[in-house]
């Protein structure tokens, strides 16, 4: 099943490519930095980087913003709230919250591929309050419950 997502480039960013898959079977669409001047991200710093577009998705979708593995491996650049969620009713500019976990400053230039956007279906869920919950084999076991390694 295919879903149509409408993309509107923002004024001043007509030169940027639309989000695009970099291979035929890629799950994510690469996003480009829509900065007017290079942004230096020092170790430990974070910055909200604009992507230069708005979009409209059908209500059954969400967009997840995820790191690019090459930036993470080579430079320690990742998305701080990963995956970041864009809801179907959001119409503002798409932006990416990047953080430098590396040991060297990193320069973000215009048209730099900074993250990827993956679309997911969102199930319709109804929450119901209950006085008691059914038992399970796991019970309340949480962090580290299944063993240590």
Protein backbone atom coordinates (compact mmCIF):
# COMPACT_ATOMS: atom_id res chain seq x y z
CA UNK A 1 0.00 0.00 0.00
CA UNK A 2 1.41 3.38 -0.98
CA UNK A 3 0.78 6.61 0.92
CA UNK A 4 1.07 10.10 -0.50
CA UNK A 5 3.04 12.61 1.56
CA UNK A 6 2.96 16.22 0.36
CA UNK A 7 6.22 18.19 0.61
CA UNK A 8 6.36 21.98 0.45
CA UNK A 9 9.80 23.57 0.08
CA UNK A 10 10.09 26.75 2.11
CA UNK A 11 11.05 30.06 0.58
CA UNK A 12 14.79 30.41 0.22
CA UNK A 13 15.35 26.66 0.11
CA UNK A 14 14.34 25.91 -3.48
CA UNK A 15 17.93 24.81 -4.19
CA UNK A 16 17.76 21.93 -1.72
CA UNK A 17 16.78 18.46 -2.91
CA UNK A 18 13.57 16.95 -1.62
CA UNK A 19 14.11 14.22 0.97
CA UNK A 20 15.28 11.20 -0.99
CA UNK A 21 16.14 7.55 -0.68
CA UNK A 22 19.78 6.93 -1.49
CA UNK A 23 19.23 3.35 -2.65
CA UNK A 24 16.32 1.43 -4.12
CA UNK A 25 15.44 -0.41 -0.90
CA UNK A 26 16.44 2.25 1.64
CA UNK A 27 13.90 2.60 4.44
CA UNK A 28 14.77 6.23 5.13
CA UNK A 29 14.70 9.45 3.14
CA UNK A 30 17.82 11.55 3.69
CA UNK A 31 17.26 15.10 4.96
CA UNK A 32 19.45 18.06 4.03
CA UNK A 33 20.62 20.92 6.21
CA UNK A 34 18.82 24.14 5.26
CA UNK A 35 21.24 26.41 7.12
CA UNK A 36 22.11 29.78 5.58
CA UNK A 37 25.59 29.77 7.16
CA UNK A 38 27.68 26.79 8.35
CA UNK A 39 26.92 25.74 11.93
CA UNK A 40 29.81 24.56 14.07
CA UNK A 41 28.76 21.89 16.52
CA UNK A 42 31.39 21.56 19.24
CA UNK A 43 31.75 18.35 21.30
CA UNK A 44 28.81 18.08 23.69
CA UNK A 45 26.80 20.79 21.92
CA UNK A 46 23.41 20.38 20.32
CA UNK A 47 21.64 22.41 17.65
CA UNK A 48 18.24 22.43 15.97
CA UNK A 49 18.97 22.27 12.23
CA UNK A 50 16.20 23.22 9.77
CA UNK A 51 15.46 20.93 6.83
CA UNK A 52 13.80 23.61 4.65
CA UNK A 53 10.40 21.99 4.11
CA UNK A 54 6.99 21.31 5.58
CA UNK A 55 4.87 18.26 4.90
CA UNK A 56 1.40 16.78 5.18
CA UNK A 57 0.97 13.06 5.86
CA UNK A 58 -2.17 10.96 5.93
CA UNK A 59 -3.48 10.41 9.48
CA UNK A 60 -2.33 6.78 9.62
CA UNK A 61 1.36 7.76 9.34
CA UNK A 62 4.06 9.27 11.50
CA UNK A 63 7.57 10.27 10.39
CA UNK A 64 10.53 9.25 12.52
CA UNK A 65 13.74 11.27 12.38
CA UNK A 66 16.75 9.04 12.85
CA UNK A 67 20.54 9.47 12.76
CA UNK A 68 22.64 8.75 9.71
CA UNK A 69 24.95 5.88 10.57
CA UNK A 70 27.93 7.34 8.71
CA UNK A 71 27.82 10.62 10.65
CA UNK A 72 27.47 8.71 13.91
CA UNK A 73 30.39 6.37 13.19
CA UNK A 74 32.81 8.86 11.66
CA UNK A 75 32.04 11.99 13.70
CA UNK A 76 29.82 11.09 16.68
CA UNK A 77 26.95 13.16 15.25
CA UNK A 78 23.53 11.79 16.14
CA UNK A 79 19.95 12.84 16.78
CA UNK A 80 19.37 13.70 20.41
CA UNK A 81 15.75 12.51 20.60
CA UNK A 82 16.03 9.44 18.46
CA UNK A 83 13.76 8.59 16.93
CA UNK A 84 12.08 11.97 16.91
CA UNK A 85 8.42 11.75 15.98
CA UNK A 86 6.59 14.04 13.57
CA UNK A 87 2.84 13.67 13.96
CA UNK A 88 0.51 13.66 10.96
CA UNK A 89 -1.13 16.94 12.01
CA UNK A 90 2.16 18.92 12.31
CA UNK A 91 2.57 21.52 9.56
CA UNK A 92 5.63 23.44 10.71
CA UNK A 93 9.12 23.22 9.27
CA UNK A 94 10.83 19.88 9.77
CA UNK A 95 13.92 20.33 11.95
CA UNK A 96 16.52 17.92 13.28
CA UNK A 97 17.97 18.06 16.80
CA UNK A 98 21.62 17.08 16.35
CA UNK A 99 24.22 16.53 19.06
CA UNK A 100 27.98 16.10 18.76
CA UNK A 101 29.06 13.14 20.89
CA UNK A 102 32.46 13.08 19.19
CA UNK A 103 35.74 14.58 20.33
CA UNK A 104 36.15 17.15 17.52
CA UNK A 105 34.04 20.09 16.34
CA UNK A 106 31.82 19.27 13.35
CA UNK A 107 30.78 21.76 10.68
CA UNK A 108 27.24 21.45 9.30
CA UNK A 109 27.10 22.97 5.84
CA UNK A 110 24.12 23.74 3.63
CA UNK A 111 22.99 20.64 1.68
CA UNK A 112 24.75 18.32 4.14
CA UNK A 113 22.80 15.10 4.66
CA UNK A 114 22.07 15.31 8.38
CA UNK A 115 19.47 12.63 9.22
CA UNK A 116 16.98 10.24 7.72
CA UNK A 117 13.21 10.21 7.85
CA UNK A 118 11.37 6.89 8.07
CA UNK A 119 7.58 6.66 7.76
CA UNK A 120 5.65 4.25 9.96
CA UNK A 121 1.99 3.31 10.24
CA UNK A 122 0.37 4.33 13.52
CA UNK A 123 -2.24 1.92 14.85
CA UNK A 124 -5.46 3.30 16.28
CA UNK A 125 -5.28 2.55 20.00
CA UNK A 126 -7.84 3.04 22.76
CA UNK A 127 -6.62 3.24 26.35
CA UNK A 128 -8.95 1.81 28.99
CA UNK A 129 -8.49 2.33 32.71
CA UNK A 130 -8.54 -0.88 34.76
CA UNK A 131 -8.49 -1.66 38.48
CA UNK A 132 -6.53 -4.89 37.91
CA UNK A 133 -4.30 -6.19 35.12
CA UNK A 134 -4.03 -9.78 33.90
CA UNK A 135 -0.98 -11.72 35.11
CA UNK A 136 1.97 -12.43 32.80
CA UNK A 137 4.99 -14.68 32.98
CA UNK A 138 7.30 -11.69 33.35
CA UNK A 139 5.31 -9.78 35.91
CA UNK A 140 6.86 -6.48 37.02
CA UNK A 141 10.46 -7.45 36.10
CA UNK A 142 12.09 -4.44 34.47
CA UNK A 143 15.59 -3.22 33.67
CA UNK A 144 18.07 -6.11 33.71
CA UNK A 145 15.35 -8.58 34.69
CA UNK A 146 16.24 -11.18 32.05
CA UNK A 147 19.87 -11.55 33.18
CA UNK A 148 23.16 -9.72 33.16
CA UNK A 149 25.86 -9.67 30.52
